N, C-alpha and C. Protein backbone atom coordinates (compact mmCIF):
# COMPACT_ATOMS: atom_id res chain seq x y z
N UNK A 1 50.41 -55.40 -75.52
CA UNK A 1 50.26 -56.59 -76.33
C UNK A 1 49.04 -57.40 -75.87
N UNK A 2 48.86 -57.53 -74.56
CA UNK A 2 47.71 -58.30 -74.08
C UNK A 2 46.40 -57.64 -74.47
N UNK A 3 46.39 -56.30 -74.45
CA UNK A 3 45.18 -55.60 -74.87
C UNK A 3 44.92 -55.84 -76.36
N UNK A 4 45.98 -55.83 -77.14
CA UNK A 4 45.85 -56.12 -78.56
C UNK A 4 45.25 -57.51 -78.77
N UNK A 5 45.78 -58.50 -78.08
CA UNK A 5 45.26 -59.87 -78.21
C UNK A 5 43.81 -59.94 -77.77
N UNK A 6 43.49 -59.20 -76.72
CA UNK A 6 42.11 -59.20 -76.24
C UNK A 6 41.18 -58.58 -77.30
N UNK A 7 41.66 -57.57 -78.00
CA UNK A 7 40.85 -56.91 -79.02
C UNK A 7 40.56 -57.80 -80.22
N UNK A 8 41.47 -58.69 -80.56
CA UNK A 8 41.27 -59.49 -81.77
C UNK A 8 40.77 -60.90 -81.48
N UNK A 9 40.44 -61.20 -80.23
CA UNK A 9 40.00 -62.56 -79.92
C UNK A 9 38.71 -62.91 -80.66
N UNK A 10 37.78 -61.96 -80.79
CA UNK A 10 36.52 -62.26 -81.45
C UNK A 10 36.69 -62.53 -82.95
N UNK A 11 37.44 -61.70 -83.70
CA UNK A 11 37.67 -62.05 -85.10
C UNK A 11 38.38 -63.41 -85.25
N UNK A 12 39.31 -63.72 -84.33
CA UNK A 12 39.97 -65.04 -84.38
C UNK A 12 38.94 -66.14 -84.15
N UNK A 13 38.03 -65.94 -83.19
CA UNK A 13 37.01 -66.93 -82.90
C UNK A 13 36.08 -67.13 -84.10
N UNK A 14 35.66 -66.02 -84.71
CA UNK A 14 34.78 -66.11 -85.88
C UNK A 14 35.48 -66.82 -87.03
N UNK A 15 36.75 -66.52 -87.23
CA UNK A 15 37.52 -67.19 -88.28
C UNK A 15 37.59 -68.69 -88.02
N UNK A 16 37.83 -69.06 -86.76
CA UNK A 16 37.87 -70.48 -86.41
C UNK A 16 36.54 -71.17 -86.64
N UNK A 17 35.45 -70.51 -86.26
CA UNK A 17 34.11 -71.08 -86.46
C UNK A 17 33.82 -71.23 -87.95
N UNK A 18 34.18 -70.21 -88.75
CA UNK A 18 33.97 -70.31 -90.19
C UNK A 18 34.76 -71.47 -90.80
N UNK A 19 35.98 -71.65 -90.33
CA UNK A 19 36.77 -72.78 -90.81
C UNK A 19 36.11 -74.10 -90.46
N UNK A 20 35.60 -74.20 -89.23
CA UNK A 20 34.89 -75.43 -88.83
C UNK A 20 33.66 -75.67 -89.70
N UNK A 21 32.85 -74.63 -89.90
CA UNK A 21 31.65 -74.78 -90.71
C UNK A 21 32.00 -75.19 -92.15
N UNK A 22 33.02 -74.55 -92.71
CA UNK A 22 33.45 -74.91 -94.05
C UNK A 22 33.87 -76.38 -94.09
N UNK A 23 34.64 -76.81 -93.10
CA UNK A 23 35.12 -78.19 -93.06
C UNK A 23 33.99 -79.21 -92.95
N UNK A 24 33.04 -78.94 -92.04
CA UNK A 24 31.92 -79.86 -91.86
C UNK A 24 31.02 -79.89 -93.10
N UNK A 25 30.80 -78.74 -93.72
CA UNK A 25 29.99 -78.69 -94.93
C UNK A 25 30.65 -79.49 -96.05
N UNK A 26 31.94 -79.34 -96.22
CA UNK A 26 32.66 -80.06 -97.27
C UNK A 26 32.61 -81.58 -97.03
N UNK A 27 32.71 -82.01 -95.76
CA UNK A 27 32.62 -83.44 -95.46
C UNK A 27 31.21 -83.98 -95.67
N UNK A 28 30.22 -83.17 -95.34
CA UNK A 28 28.83 -83.62 -95.46
C UNK A 28 28.40 -83.77 -96.91
N UNK A 29 29.05 -83.04 -97.82
CA UNK A 29 28.67 -83.07 -99.23
C UNK A 29 29.89 -83.37 -100.09
N UNK A 30 30.39 -84.61 -100.02
CA UNK A 30 31.62 -84.93 -100.75
C UNK A 30 31.47 -84.90 -102.26
N UNK A 31 30.26 -84.94 -102.77
CA UNK A 31 30.06 -84.91 -104.21
C UNK A 31 30.02 -83.50 -104.78
N UNK A 32 30.37 -82.53 -103.98
CA UNK A 32 30.32 -81.13 -104.41
C UNK A 32 31.22 -80.93 -105.64
N UNK A 33 30.79 -80.10 -106.54
CA UNK A 33 31.62 -79.85 -107.72
C UNK A 33 32.79 -78.95 -107.37
N UNK A 34 33.81 -78.99 -108.20
CA UNK A 34 35.00 -78.18 -107.95
C UNK A 34 34.68 -76.69 -108.06
N UNK A 35 33.74 -76.32 -108.91
CA UNK A 35 33.34 -74.90 -109.02
C UNK A 35 32.69 -74.46 -107.72
N UNK A 36 31.81 -75.28 -107.17
CA UNK A 36 31.16 -74.93 -105.90
C UNK A 36 32.19 -74.85 -104.79
N UNK A 37 33.17 -75.73 -104.79
CA UNK A 37 34.23 -75.67 -103.80
C UNK A 37 35.04 -74.39 -103.97
N UNK A 38 35.24 -73.97 -105.21
CA UNK A 38 35.95 -72.71 -105.46
C UNK A 38 35.17 -71.54 -104.87
N UNK A 39 33.86 -71.53 -105.04
CA UNK A 39 33.02 -70.46 -104.47
C UNK A 39 33.06 -70.49 -102.94
N UNK A 40 32.93 -71.68 -102.37
CA UNK A 40 32.98 -71.80 -100.91
C UNK A 40 34.33 -71.34 -100.36
N UNK A 41 35.38 -71.75 -101.05
CA UNK A 41 36.72 -71.33 -100.65
C UNK A 41 36.83 -69.80 -100.71
N UNK A 42 36.36 -69.21 -101.81
CA UNK A 42 36.47 -67.76 -102.00
C UNK A 42 35.71 -67.01 -100.90
N UNK A 43 34.50 -67.41 -100.63
CA UNK A 43 33.70 -66.73 -99.61
C UNK A 43 34.32 -66.91 -98.23
N UNK A 44 34.74 -68.12 -97.93
CA UNK A 44 35.35 -68.40 -96.63
C UNK A 44 36.60 -67.56 -96.41
N UNK A 45 37.49 -67.53 -97.39
CA UNK A 45 38.74 -66.79 -97.27
C UNK A 45 38.47 -65.28 -97.22
N UNK A 46 37.52 -64.81 -98.02
CA UNK A 46 37.18 -63.40 -98.03
C UNK A 46 36.65 -62.94 -96.67
N UNK A 47 35.73 -63.69 -96.10
CA UNK A 47 35.18 -63.32 -94.79
C UNK A 47 36.24 -63.44 -93.70
N UNK A 48 37.04 -64.48 -93.75
CA UNK A 48 38.11 -64.62 -92.76
C UNK A 48 39.08 -63.44 -92.85
N UNK A 49 39.44 -63.05 -94.05
CA UNK A 49 40.34 -61.92 -94.23
C UNK A 49 39.73 -60.63 -93.70
N UNK A 50 38.45 -60.43 -93.98
CA UNK A 50 37.77 -59.23 -93.48
C UNK A 50 37.76 -59.21 -91.95
N UNK A 51 37.53 -60.35 -91.34
CA UNK A 51 37.55 -60.42 -89.87
C UNK A 51 38.94 -60.10 -89.31
N UNK A 52 39.97 -60.63 -89.94
CA UNK A 52 41.34 -60.36 -89.48
C UNK A 52 41.70 -58.89 -89.69
N UNK A 53 41.31 -58.31 -90.83
CA UNK A 53 41.56 -56.89 -91.06
C UNK A 53 40.83 -56.03 -90.03
N UNK A 54 39.60 -56.40 -89.75
CA UNK A 54 38.81 -55.65 -88.76
C UNK A 54 39.48 -55.69 -87.39
N UNK A 55 39.90 -56.86 -86.96
CA UNK A 55 40.56 -56.98 -85.66
C UNK A 55 41.87 -56.22 -85.61
N UNK A 56 42.65 -56.30 -86.66
CA UNK A 56 43.93 -55.59 -86.69
C UNK A 56 43.72 -54.09 -86.71
N UNK A 57 42.76 -53.63 -87.51
CA UNK A 57 42.51 -52.20 -87.60
C UNK A 57 42.07 -51.63 -86.25
N UNK A 58 41.23 -52.37 -85.55
CA UNK A 58 40.74 -51.87 -84.25
C UNK A 58 41.86 -51.83 -83.21
N UNK A 59 42.93 -52.57 -83.42
CA UNK A 59 44.02 -52.62 -82.45
C UNK A 59 45.26 -51.86 -82.91
N UNK A 60 45.16 -51.10 -83.98
CA UNK A 60 46.36 -50.47 -84.55
C UNK A 60 47.01 -49.45 -83.64
N UNK A 61 46.26 -48.82 -82.76
CA UNK A 61 46.84 -47.83 -81.85
C UNK A 61 47.42 -48.46 -80.60
N UNK A 62 47.13 -49.72 -80.40
CA UNK A 62 47.56 -50.40 -79.17
C UNK A 62 48.91 -51.08 -79.35
N UNK A 63 49.13 -51.62 -80.55
CA UNK A 63 50.33 -52.42 -80.75
C UNK A 63 50.92 -52.13 -82.12
N UNK A 64 52.23 -51.93 -82.16
CA UNK A 64 52.89 -51.62 -83.43
C UNK A 64 52.95 -52.81 -84.37
N UNK A 65 52.71 -54.01 -83.88
CA UNK A 65 52.75 -55.20 -84.72
C UNK A 65 51.40 -55.56 -85.33
N UNK A 66 50.43 -54.66 -85.26
CA UNK A 66 49.11 -54.92 -85.81
C UNK A 66 49.15 -55.23 -87.29
N UNK A 67 50.18 -54.71 -87.96
CA UNK A 67 50.29 -54.85 -89.41
C UNK A 67 50.45 -56.29 -89.85
N UNK A 68 51.01 -57.16 -88.99
CA UNK A 68 51.18 -58.57 -89.37
C UNK A 68 49.81 -59.22 -89.54
N UNK A 69 48.92 -58.96 -88.57
CA UNK A 69 47.56 -59.50 -88.66
C UNK A 69 46.81 -58.85 -89.82
N UNK A 70 47.04 -57.54 -90.03
CA UNK A 70 46.41 -56.86 -91.16
C UNK A 70 46.89 -57.44 -92.49
N UNK A 71 48.18 -57.73 -92.59
CA UNK A 71 48.72 -58.33 -93.80
C UNK A 71 48.10 -59.71 -94.04
N UNK A 72 47.96 -60.47 -92.99
CA UNK A 72 47.30 -61.77 -93.08
C UNK A 72 45.89 -61.60 -93.63
N UNK A 73 45.15 -60.66 -93.07
CA UNK A 73 43.79 -60.40 -93.55
C UNK A 73 43.76 -59.92 -94.99
N UNK A 74 44.68 -59.04 -95.35
CA UNK A 74 44.74 -58.51 -96.71
C UNK A 74 45.02 -59.62 -97.73
N UNK A 75 45.94 -60.51 -97.40
CA UNK A 75 46.23 -61.64 -98.29
C UNK A 75 44.96 -62.46 -98.51
N UNK A 76 44.25 -62.74 -97.44
CA UNK A 76 43.03 -63.55 -97.56
C UNK A 76 41.95 -62.81 -98.36
N UNK A 77 41.80 -61.51 -98.16
CA UNK A 77 40.80 -60.74 -98.92
C UNK A 77 41.14 -60.74 -100.40
N UNK A 78 42.40 -60.50 -100.75
CA UNK A 78 42.80 -60.48 -102.16
C UNK A 78 42.56 -61.84 -102.81
N UNK A 79 42.96 -62.90 -102.14
CA UNK A 79 42.74 -64.24 -102.68
C UNK A 79 41.25 -64.53 -102.82
N UNK A 80 40.46 -64.14 -101.83
CA UNK A 80 39.01 -64.36 -101.88
C UNK A 80 38.35 -63.61 -103.02
N UNK A 81 38.71 -62.34 -103.22
CA UNK A 81 38.14 -61.55 -104.32
C UNK A 81 38.51 -62.15 -105.67
N UNK A 82 39.78 -62.53 -105.81
CA UNK A 82 40.22 -63.13 -107.06
C UNK A 82 39.44 -64.42 -107.34
N UNK A 83 39.26 -65.24 -106.32
CA UNK A 83 38.55 -66.51 -106.50
C UNK A 83 37.08 -66.28 -106.85
N UNK A 84 36.46 -65.25 -106.28
CA UNK A 84 35.07 -64.93 -106.63
C UNK A 84 34.97 -64.40 -108.06
N UNK A 85 35.93 -63.61 -108.46
CA UNK A 85 35.94 -63.00 -109.78
C UNK A 85 36.10 -64.04 -110.88
N UNK A 86 36.92 -65.06 -110.61
CA UNK A 86 37.26 -66.05 -111.63
C UNK A 86 37.02 -67.47 -111.11
N UNK A 87 35.78 -67.86 -110.87
CA UNK A 87 35.55 -69.19 -110.28
C UNK A 87 35.95 -70.34 -111.20
N UNK A 88 35.82 -70.17 -112.51
CA UNK A 88 36.21 -71.23 -113.43
C UNK A 88 37.71 -71.49 -113.39
N UNK A 89 38.47 -70.41 -113.50
CA UNK A 89 39.93 -70.53 -113.42
C UNK A 89 40.33 -70.98 -112.02
N UNK A 90 39.62 -70.44 -111.02
CA UNK A 90 39.91 -70.84 -109.64
C UNK A 90 39.74 -72.34 -109.49
N UNK A 91 38.70 -72.90 -110.10
CA UNK A 91 38.49 -74.34 -110.01
C UNK A 91 39.67 -75.08 -110.62
N UNK A 92 40.22 -74.54 -111.71
CA UNK A 92 41.36 -75.20 -112.35
C UNK A 92 42.64 -75.11 -111.52
N UNK A 93 42.81 -73.99 -110.84
CA UNK A 93 44.04 -73.80 -110.07
C UNK A 93 43.79 -73.83 -108.56
N UNK A 94 42.62 -74.33 -108.17
CA UNK A 94 42.23 -74.30 -106.76
C UNK A 94 43.26 -75.00 -105.87
N UNK A 95 43.76 -76.10 -106.29
CA UNK A 95 44.70 -76.84 -105.46
C UNK A 95 45.94 -75.99 -105.19
N UNK A 96 46.53 -75.43 -106.22
CA UNK A 96 47.73 -74.60 -106.02
C UNK A 96 47.40 -73.32 -105.26
N UNK A 97 46.28 -72.70 -105.58
CA UNK A 97 45.88 -71.47 -104.89
C UNK A 97 45.69 -71.71 -103.40
N UNK A 98 45.01 -72.78 -103.07
CA UNK A 98 44.79 -73.10 -101.66
C UNK A 98 46.11 -73.42 -100.97
N UNK A 99 46.98 -74.12 -101.65
CA UNK A 99 48.27 -74.46 -101.06
C UNK A 99 49.11 -73.22 -100.79
N UNK A 100 49.20 -72.34 -101.76
CA UNK A 100 50.00 -71.12 -101.58
C UNK A 100 49.38 -70.21 -100.52
N UNK A 101 48.07 -70.09 -100.54
CA UNK A 101 47.40 -69.26 -99.54
C UNK A 101 47.63 -69.82 -98.13
N UNK A 102 47.49 -71.11 -97.99
CA UNK A 102 47.71 -71.74 -96.68
C UNK A 102 49.15 -71.55 -96.20
N UNK A 103 50.11 -71.67 -97.12
CA UNK A 103 51.51 -71.48 -96.72
C UNK A 103 51.77 -70.04 -96.29
N UNK A 104 51.27 -69.08 -97.05
CA UNK A 104 51.49 -67.68 -96.71
C UNK A 104 50.79 -67.30 -95.41
N UNK A 105 49.55 -67.73 -95.26
CA UNK A 105 48.82 -67.48 -94.01
C UNK A 105 49.55 -68.12 -92.84
N UNK A 106 50.00 -69.34 -93.01
CA UNK A 106 50.74 -70.03 -91.94
C UNK A 106 52.01 -69.32 -91.57
N UNK A 107 52.75 -68.86 -92.57
CA UNK A 107 54.00 -68.14 -92.30
C UNK A 107 53.73 -66.85 -91.52
N UNK A 108 52.74 -66.09 -91.96
CA UNK A 108 52.41 -64.85 -91.25
C UNK A 108 51.91 -65.14 -89.83
N UNK A 109 51.17 -66.21 -89.66
CA UNK A 109 50.68 -66.57 -88.34
C UNK A 109 51.83 -66.97 -87.41
N UNK A 110 52.81 -67.70 -87.91
CA UNK A 110 53.98 -68.07 -87.10
C UNK A 110 54.77 -66.81 -86.72
N UNK A 111 54.93 -65.89 -87.68
CA UNK A 111 55.64 -64.63 -87.38
C UNK A 111 54.91 -63.88 -86.27
N UNK A 112 53.61 -63.80 -86.39
CA UNK A 112 52.82 -63.10 -85.38
C UNK A 112 52.94 -63.79 -84.02
N UNK A 113 52.83 -65.10 -83.99
CA UNK A 113 52.94 -65.85 -82.73
C UNK A 113 54.33 -65.69 -82.12
N UNK A 114 55.34 -65.69 -82.96
CA UNK A 114 56.71 -65.50 -82.47
C UNK A 114 56.83 -64.14 -81.79
N UNK A 115 56.16 -63.16 -82.35
CA UNK A 115 56.22 -61.81 -81.81
C UNK A 115 55.54 -61.71 -80.44
N UNK A 116 54.43 -62.42 -80.24
CA UNK A 116 53.70 -62.32 -78.97
C UNK A 116 54.23 -63.27 -77.90
N UNK A 117 55.20 -64.10 -78.23
CA UNK A 117 55.67 -65.13 -77.30
C UNK A 117 56.25 -64.55 -76.02
N UNK A 118 56.77 -63.33 -76.07
CA UNK A 118 57.42 -62.74 -74.90
C UNK A 118 56.42 -62.20 -73.89
N UNK A 119 55.20 -62.00 -74.30
CA UNK A 119 54.23 -61.38 -73.39
C UNK A 119 53.06 -62.29 -73.02
N UNK A 120 52.94 -63.42 -73.66
CA UNK A 120 51.84 -64.33 -73.35
C UNK A 120 52.36 -65.76 -73.21
N UNK A 121 51.60 -66.54 -72.53
CA UNK A 121 51.93 -67.97 -72.45
C UNK A 121 50.97 -68.75 -73.33
N UNK A 122 51.36 -69.94 -73.65
CA UNK A 122 50.53 -70.85 -74.45
C UNK A 122 50.26 -70.32 -75.86
N UNK A 123 51.22 -69.57 -76.40
CA UNK A 123 51.08 -69.11 -77.77
C UNK A 123 51.29 -70.25 -78.76
N UNK A 124 51.57 -71.42 -78.24
CA UNK A 124 51.80 -72.59 -79.09
C UNK A 124 50.63 -72.93 -79.99
N UNK A 125 49.41 -72.59 -79.57
CA UNK A 125 48.24 -72.86 -80.41
C UNK A 125 48.29 -72.02 -81.69
N UNK A 126 48.76 -70.80 -81.57
CA UNK A 126 48.87 -69.94 -82.74
C UNK A 126 49.97 -70.49 -83.66
N UNK A 127 51.09 -70.87 -83.07
CA UNK A 127 52.19 -71.44 -83.85
C UNK A 127 51.75 -72.76 -84.49
N UNK A 128 51.04 -73.59 -83.74
CA UNK A 128 50.57 -74.87 -84.28
C UNK A 128 49.67 -74.67 -85.49
N UNK A 129 48.77 -73.70 -85.41
CA UNK A 129 47.90 -73.40 -86.55
C UNK A 129 48.70 -72.94 -87.75
N UNK A 130 49.72 -72.11 -87.51
CA UNK A 130 50.56 -71.62 -88.60
C UNK A 130 51.36 -72.73 -89.24
N UNK A 131 51.96 -73.58 -88.42
CA UNK A 131 52.75 -74.70 -88.95
C UNK A 131 51.84 -75.67 -89.70
N UNK A 132 50.65 -75.91 -89.16
CA UNK A 132 49.67 -76.76 -89.84
C UNK A 132 49.35 -76.19 -91.22
N UNK A 133 49.16 -74.88 -91.30
CA UNK A 133 48.87 -74.24 -92.59
C UNK A 133 50.02 -74.40 -93.57
N UNK A 134 51.25 -74.21 -93.10
CA UNK A 134 52.42 -74.35 -93.96
C UNK A 134 52.53 -75.78 -94.48
N UNK A 135 52.42 -76.76 -93.58
CA UNK A 135 52.52 -78.16 -93.99
C UNK A 135 51.41 -78.55 -94.95
N UNK A 136 50.19 -78.09 -94.66
CA UNK A 136 49.07 -78.36 -95.55
C UNK A 136 49.33 -77.79 -96.94
N UNK A 137 49.79 -76.54 -96.99
CA UNK A 137 50.08 -75.90 -98.28
C UNK A 137 51.13 -76.65 -99.07
N UNK A 138 52.21 -77.05 -98.40
CA UNK A 138 53.26 -77.81 -99.08
C UNK A 138 52.73 -79.13 -99.62
N UNK A 139 51.93 -79.82 -98.83
CA UNK A 139 51.40 -81.12 -99.25
C UNK A 139 50.48 -80.96 -100.45
N UNK A 140 49.60 -79.96 -100.41
CA UNK A 140 48.65 -79.75 -101.50
C UNK A 140 49.39 -79.43 -102.80
N UNK A 141 50.41 -78.60 -102.72
CA UNK A 141 51.16 -78.24 -103.93
C UNK A 141 51.96 -79.42 -104.47
N UNK A 142 52.50 -80.25 -103.58
CA UNK A 142 53.32 -81.39 -104.00
C UNK A 142 52.49 -82.52 -104.59
N UNK A 143 51.21 -82.64 -104.25
CA UNK A 143 50.38 -83.76 -104.70
C UNK A 143 49.09 -83.28 -105.36
N UNK A 144 49.19 -82.57 -106.47
CA UNK A 144 47.98 -82.00 -107.07
C UNK A 144 47.04 -83.02 -107.71
N UNK A 145 47.55 -84.20 -108.03
CA UNK A 145 46.72 -85.17 -108.71
C UNK A 145 45.98 -86.13 -107.79
N UNK A 146 45.81 -85.79 -106.57
CA UNK A 146 45.20 -86.68 -105.60
C UNK A 146 43.73 -86.95 -105.82
N UNK A 147 43.07 -86.22 -106.65
CA UNK A 147 41.66 -86.44 -106.93
C UNK A 147 40.78 -85.46 -106.18
N UNK A 148 39.65 -85.13 -106.78
CA UNK A 148 38.74 -84.13 -106.20
C UNK A 148 38.15 -84.58 -104.86
N UNK A 149 37.76 -85.84 -104.78
CA UNK A 149 37.18 -86.32 -103.52
C UNK A 149 38.22 -86.32 -102.41
N UNK A 150 39.43 -86.77 -102.72
CA UNK A 150 40.50 -86.73 -101.71
C UNK A 150 40.79 -85.30 -101.30
N UNK A 151 40.75 -84.38 -102.26
CA UNK A 151 40.99 -82.98 -101.94
C UNK A 151 39.91 -82.45 -101.00
N UNK A 152 38.67 -82.80 -101.27
CA UNK A 152 37.59 -82.33 -100.41
C UNK A 152 37.77 -82.83 -98.99
N UNK A 153 38.09 -84.10 -98.83
CA UNK A 153 38.31 -84.66 -97.49
C UNK A 153 39.51 -83.99 -96.83
N UNK A 154 40.58 -83.80 -97.58
CA UNK A 154 41.77 -83.17 -97.02
C UNK A 154 41.49 -81.72 -96.62
N UNK A 155 40.84 -80.98 -97.50
CA UNK A 155 40.53 -79.59 -97.20
C UNK A 155 39.60 -79.50 -96.00
N UNK A 156 38.61 -80.36 -95.95
CA UNK A 156 37.67 -80.35 -94.82
C UNK A 156 38.38 -80.66 -93.51
N UNK A 157 39.24 -81.64 -93.53
CA UNK A 157 39.99 -82.00 -92.32
C UNK A 157 40.89 -80.85 -91.89
N UNK A 158 41.59 -80.28 -92.85
CA UNK A 158 42.45 -79.12 -92.55
C UNK A 158 41.62 -77.99 -91.94
N UNK A 159 40.49 -77.65 -92.57
CA UNK A 159 39.66 -76.54 -92.09
C UNK A 159 39.16 -76.79 -90.68
N UNK A 160 38.81 -78.03 -90.37
CA UNK A 160 38.31 -78.36 -89.03
C UNK A 160 39.44 -78.22 -88.01
N UNK A 161 40.58 -78.82 -88.29
CA UNK A 161 41.70 -78.75 -87.35
C UNK A 161 42.19 -77.31 -87.19
N UNK A 162 42.32 -76.60 -88.30
CA UNK A 162 42.74 -75.20 -88.25
C UNK A 162 41.73 -74.36 -87.47
N UNK A 163 40.45 -74.61 -87.70
CA UNK A 163 39.40 -73.91 -86.97
C UNK A 163 39.50 -74.14 -85.48
N UNK A 164 39.76 -75.37 -85.09
CA UNK A 164 39.92 -75.68 -83.66
C UNK A 164 41.11 -74.92 -83.08
N UNK A 165 42.24 -74.89 -83.81
CA UNK A 165 43.42 -74.18 -83.28
C UNK A 165 43.12 -72.69 -83.12
N UNK A 166 42.38 -72.10 -84.06
CA UNK A 166 42.05 -70.68 -83.93
C UNK A 166 41.05 -70.43 -82.80
N UNK A 167 40.09 -71.31 -82.64
CA UNK A 167 39.12 -71.15 -81.55
C UNK A 167 39.82 -71.21 -80.21
N UNK A 168 40.70 -72.19 -80.03
CA UNK A 168 41.45 -72.31 -78.77
C UNK A 168 42.32 -71.07 -78.56
N UNK A 169 43.01 -70.62 -79.61
CA UNK A 169 43.85 -69.43 -79.49
C UNK A 169 43.01 -68.20 -79.16
N UNK A 170 41.83 -68.08 -79.77
CA UNK A 170 40.95 -66.94 -79.51
C UNK A 170 40.47 -66.94 -78.06
N UNK A 171 40.09 -68.10 -77.56
CA UNK A 171 39.62 -68.18 -76.18
C UNK A 171 40.76 -67.86 -75.21
N UNK A 172 41.96 -68.28 -75.54
CA UNK A 172 43.12 -67.93 -74.71
C UNK A 172 43.39 -66.43 -74.79
N UNK A 173 43.29 -65.86 -75.98
CA UNK A 173 43.52 -64.42 -76.14
C UNK A 173 42.48 -63.62 -75.35
N UNK A 174 41.27 -64.12 -75.30
CA UNK A 174 40.24 -63.46 -74.50
C UNK A 174 40.64 -63.46 -73.03
N UNK A 175 41.16 -64.59 -72.55
CA UNK A 175 41.61 -64.68 -71.16
C UNK A 175 42.82 -63.79 -70.92
N UNK A 176 43.73 -63.73 -71.89
CA UNK A 176 44.92 -62.88 -71.74
C UNK A 176 44.50 -61.44 -71.56
N UNK A 177 43.49 -61.01 -72.30
CA UNK A 177 43.00 -59.65 -72.16
C UNK A 177 42.37 -59.42 -70.80
N UNK A 178 41.66 -60.43 -70.28
CA UNK A 178 41.06 -60.31 -68.96
C UNK A 178 42.12 -60.23 -67.90
N UNK A 179 43.22 -60.97 -68.05
CA UNK A 179 44.32 -60.93 -67.10
C UNK A 179 44.99 -59.56 -67.16
N UNK A 180 45.14 -59.01 -68.36
CA UNK A 180 45.81 -57.72 -68.51
C UNK A 180 45.00 -56.60 -67.86
N UNK A 181 43.66 -56.71 -67.91
CA UNK A 181 42.84 -55.66 -67.33
C UNK A 181 42.68 -55.80 -65.83
N UNK A 182 43.05 -56.98 -65.30
CA UNK A 182 42.89 -57.19 -63.86
C UNK A 182 43.95 -56.46 -63.05
């Protein structure tokens, strides 16, 4: 398990950095149109999913639970492709799409963290990111009329906080792998 975590620390780190960049970009340009936000969301989720799939695939022979991370990546890739294919419709349903994606990603992340809890310490960062995603998704779906500017600020804040949780988890996973090899 520690070797598995060590193998996926870099994709987790890249995912966290992408979330941070997306969040800062959205805050820096609050007047962005909803179509542009749909494109940014699609590209961000697609790349994040590809990174998670890559990390899971490279660790498939090490740990039987690799499929949870692969499923997380697959969900993000499918959502990203759909959003790129239909940016106009995505703009119309972006709030619900982002909410459902965040809830599903959060649920899978909590399942994954629960699974690694027996072999690593401080897995709370992974769980925190998952719970944050679930709560964010529920809030976005429950309050769709909050306005585009409020949505941009909310999405940016979520992306920054989520990015930080993934970066911290990735750096810890890197250390866990170093401990396992020692």
